Amino acid sequence: MKKGLVVIEFSISKDGKVQGMKLAFGSGDITLDRAAWGAIANAAPLPNLPAEFAGDSLKIRTRFYYNPDKNICRFLYNRLDDSNSPAALRLRHSLLK
């Protein structure tokens, strides 16, 4: 089972276009890197940013964890800010399986 971390940076323009994608940190495995890249590229265009959004674009830095060790899962589990939200509780439950 392949393991790795991929970090991708990009911007979302007001009209939902994904721009300036950059591989900030590769996993060392091209198939994992391409899968993460494709997840973003294939989701485009994204919904428009809200009309109230004041900037020209929204900069995003996202991480893709592939089959992380349990220690990393526990670290992420403990870093969840809103421990009472249903989404956080579901994530915690899934990480501890």
C-alpha atoms as a PDB file:
ATOM      1  CA  MET A   1       0.000   0.000   0.000  1.00  0.00           C
ATOM      2  CA  LYS A   2       1.459   3.336  -1.059  1.00  0.00           C
ATOM      3  CA  LYS A   3       1.908   6.088   1.505  1.00  0.00           C
ATOM      4  CA  GLY A   4       2.666   9.735   1.039  1.00  0.00           C
ATOM      5  CA  LEU A   5       1.867  13.383   1.498  1.00  0.00           C
ATOM      6  CA  VAL A   6       1.210  15.784  -1.377  1.00  0.00           C
ATOM      7  CA  VAL A   7       0.814  19.545  -0.896  1.00  0.00           C
ATOM      8  CA  ILE A   8      -0.702  21.617  -3.686  1.00  0.00           C
ATOM      9  CA  GLU A   9      -1.202  25.375  -3.776  1.00  0.00           C
ATOM     10  CA  PHE A  10      -3.664  27.138  -6.079  1.00  0.00           C
ATOM     11  CA  SER A  11      -6.062  30.051  -6.316  1.00  0.00           C
ATOM     12  CA  ILE A  12      -9.783  30.176  -6.969  1.00  0.00           C
ATOM     13  CA  SER A  13     -10.891  33.209  -8.956  1.00  0.00           C
ATOM     14  CA  LYS A  14     -14.229  34.910  -8.321  1.00  0.00           C
ATOM     15  CA  ASP A  15     -15.775  32.964 -11.192  1.00  0.00           C
ATOM     16  CA  GLY A  16     -14.596  29.606  -9.769  1.00  0.00           C
ATOM     17  CA  LYS A  17     -11.640  29.028 -12.070  1.00  0.00           C
ATOM     18  CA  VAL A  18      -8.673  27.197 -10.578  1.00  0.00           C
ATOM     19  CA  GLN A  19      -5.468  29.085 -11.340  1.00  0.00           C
ATOM     20  CA  GLY A  20      -1.786  28.890 -10.575  1.00  0.00           C
ATOM     21  CA  MET A  21      -1.674  25.283  -9.415  1.00  0.00           C
ATOM     22  CA  LYS A  22       1.725  24.451  -7.970  1.00  0.00           C
ATOM     23  CA  LEU A  23       3.083  21.270  -6.444  1.00  0.00           C
ATOM     24  CA  ALA A  24       4.459  22.658  -3.194  1.00  0.00           C
ATOM     25  CA  PHE A  25       5.555  19.269  -1.843  1.00  0.00           C
ATOM     26  CA  GLY A  26       5.647  16.014  -3.765  1.00  0.00           C
ATOM     27  CA  SER A  27       5.260  12.580  -2.254  1.00  0.00           C
ATOM     28  CA  GLY A  28       8.135  11.081  -4.204  1.00  0.00           C
ATOM     29  CA  ASP A  29       5.635   8.886  -6.053  1.00  0.00           C
ATOM     30  CA  ILE A  30       4.387  10.339  -9.339  1.00  0.00           C
ATOM     31  CA  THR A  31       1.131   8.355  -9.205  1.00  0.00           C
ATOM     32  CA  LEU A  32       0.183   9.879  -5.836  1.00  0.00           C
ATOM     33  CA  ASP A  33       1.194  13.349  -7.009  1.00  0.00           C
ATOM     34  CA  ARG A  34      -0.870  13.005 -10.179  1.00  0.00           C
ATOM     35  CA  ALA A  35      -3.900  11.715  -8.270  1.00  0.00           C
ATOM     36  CA  ALA A  36      -3.843  14.736  -5.952  1.00  0.00           C
ATOM     37  CA  TRP A  37      -3.334  17.101  -8.880  1.00  0.00           C
ATOM     38  CA  GLY A  38      -6.184  15.448 -10.771  1.00  0.00           C
ATOM     39  CA  ALA A  39      -8.542  15.716  -7.807  1.00  0.00           C
ATOM     40  CA  ILE A  40      -8.275  19.503  -7.997  1.00  0.00           C
ATOM     41  CA  ALA A  41      -8.048  19.853 -11.763  1.00  0.00           C
ATOM     42  CA  ASN A  42     -11.043  17.577 -12.373  1.00  0.00           C
ATOM     43  CA  ALA A  43     -13.167  19.487  -9.843  1.00  0.00           C
ATOM     44  CA  ALA A  44     -12.759  22.720 -11.816  1.00  0.00           C
ATOM     45  CA  PRO A  45     -14.519  24.937 -12.373  1.00  0.00           C
ATOM     46  CA  LEU A  46     -15.577  25.351  -8.774  1.00  0.00           C
ATOM     47  CA  PRO A  47     -18.624  27.360  -7.699  1.00  0.00           C
ATOM     48  CA  ASN A  48     -18.278  31.134  -7.874  1.00  0.00           C
ATOM     49  CA  LEU A  49     -16.927  32.795  -4.759  1.00  0.00           C
ATOM     50  CA  PRO A  50     -19.612  34.642  -2.774  1.00  0.00           C
ATOM     51  CA  ALA A  51     -20.454  38.129  -4.029  1.00  0.00           C
ATOM     52  CA  GLU A  52     -19.412  39.446  -0.599  1.00  0.00           C
ATOM     53  CA  PHE A  53     -15.867  38.121  -1.078  1.00  0.00           C
ATOM     54  CA  ALA A  54     -13.692  41.240  -1.276  1.00  0.00           C
ATOM     55  CA  GLY A  55     -10.574  39.846  -2.915  1.00  0.00           C
ATOM     56  CA  ASP A  56      -9.799  38.936  -6.509  1.00  0.00           C
ATOM     57  CA  SER A  57      -9.084  35.321  -5.629  1.00  0.00           C
ATOM     58  CA  LEU A  58      -8.841  32.896  -2.740  1.00  0.00           C
ATOM     59  CA  LYS A  59      -5.457  31.219  -2.194  1.00  0.00           C
ATOM     60  CA  ILE A  60      -5.556  27.608  -1.056  1.00  0.00           C
ATOM     61  CA  ARG A  61      -2.865  25.275   0.247  1.00  0.00           C
ATOM     62  CA  THR A  62      -4.169  21.749   0.627  1.00  0.00           C
ATOM     63  CA  ARG A  63      -2.685  18.471   1.769  1.00  0.00           C
ATOM     64  CA  PHE A  64      -3.457  14.974   0.544  1.00  0.00           C
ATOM     65  CA  TYR A  65      -2.504  12.221   2.988  1.00  0.00           C
ATOM     66  CA  TYR A  66      -2.296   8.755   1.451  1.00  0.00           C
ATOM     67  CA  ASN A  67      -2.560   5.879   3.930  1.00  0.00           C
ATOM     68  CA  PRO A  68      -0.964   7.763   6.833  1.00  0.00           C
ATOM     69  CA  ASP A  69       0.401   5.936   9.854  1.00  0.00           C
ATOM     70  CA  LYS A  70      -1.797   5.853  12.928  1.00  0.00           C
ATOM     71  CA  ASN A  71       0.504   8.307  14.726  1.00  0.00           C
ATOM     72  CA  ILE A  72      -0.158  10.929  12.041  1.00  0.00           C
ATOM     73  CA  CYS A  73      -3.870  10.179  12.221  1.00  0.00           C
ATOM     74  CA  ARG A  74      -3.830  10.707  15.974  1.00  0.00           C
ATOM     75  CA  PHE A  75      -1.916  13.968  15.541  1.00  0.00           C
ATOM     76  CA  LEU A  76      -4.505  15.203  13.031  1.00  0.00           C
ATOM     77  CA  TYR A  77      -7.310  13.900  15.235  1.00  0.00           C
ATOM     78  CA  ASN A  78      -6.052  15.962  18.165  1.00  0.00           C
ATOM     79  CA  ARG A  79      -5.700  19.103  16.027  1.00  0.00           C
ATOM     80  CA  LEU A  80      -9.359  19.300  15.016  1.00  0.00           C
ATOM     81  CA  ASP A  81     -10.622  22.680  16.164  1.00  0.00           C
ATOM     82  CA  ASP A  82     -14.339  22.023  16.462  1.00  0.00           C
ATOM     83  CA  SER A  83     -14.446  18.728  18.302  1.00  0.00           C
ATOM     84  CA  ASN A  84     -18.233  18.841  18.738  1.00  0.00           C
ATOM     85  CA  SER A  85     -19.270  19.283  15.108  1.00  0.00           C
ATOM     86  CA  PRO A  86     -20.787  16.217  13.394  1.00  0.00           C
ATOM     87  CA  ALA A  87     -18.137  16.372  10.654  1.00  0.00           C
ATOM     88  CA  ALA A  88     -15.295  16.433  13.193  1.00  0.00           C
ATOM     89  CA  LEU A  89     -16.831  13.546  15.123  1.00  0.00           C
ATOM     90  CA  ARG A  90     -17.192  11.467  11.925  1.00  0.00           C
ATOM     91  CA  LEU A  91     -13.594  12.251  10.965  1.00  0.00           C
ATOM     92  CA  ARG A  92     -12.316  11.308  14.396  1.00  0.00           C
ATOM     93  CA  HIS A  93     -14.248   8.056  14.269  1.00  0.00           C
ATOM     94  CA  SER A  94     -12.868   7.174  10.827  1.00  0.00           C
ATOM     95  CA  LEU A  95      -9.271   8.009  11.819  1.00  0.00           C
ATOM     96  CA  LEU A  96      -9.361   5.677  14.810  1.00  0.00           C
ATOM     97  CA  LYS A  97     -10.528   2.571  12.922  1.00  0.00           C
END
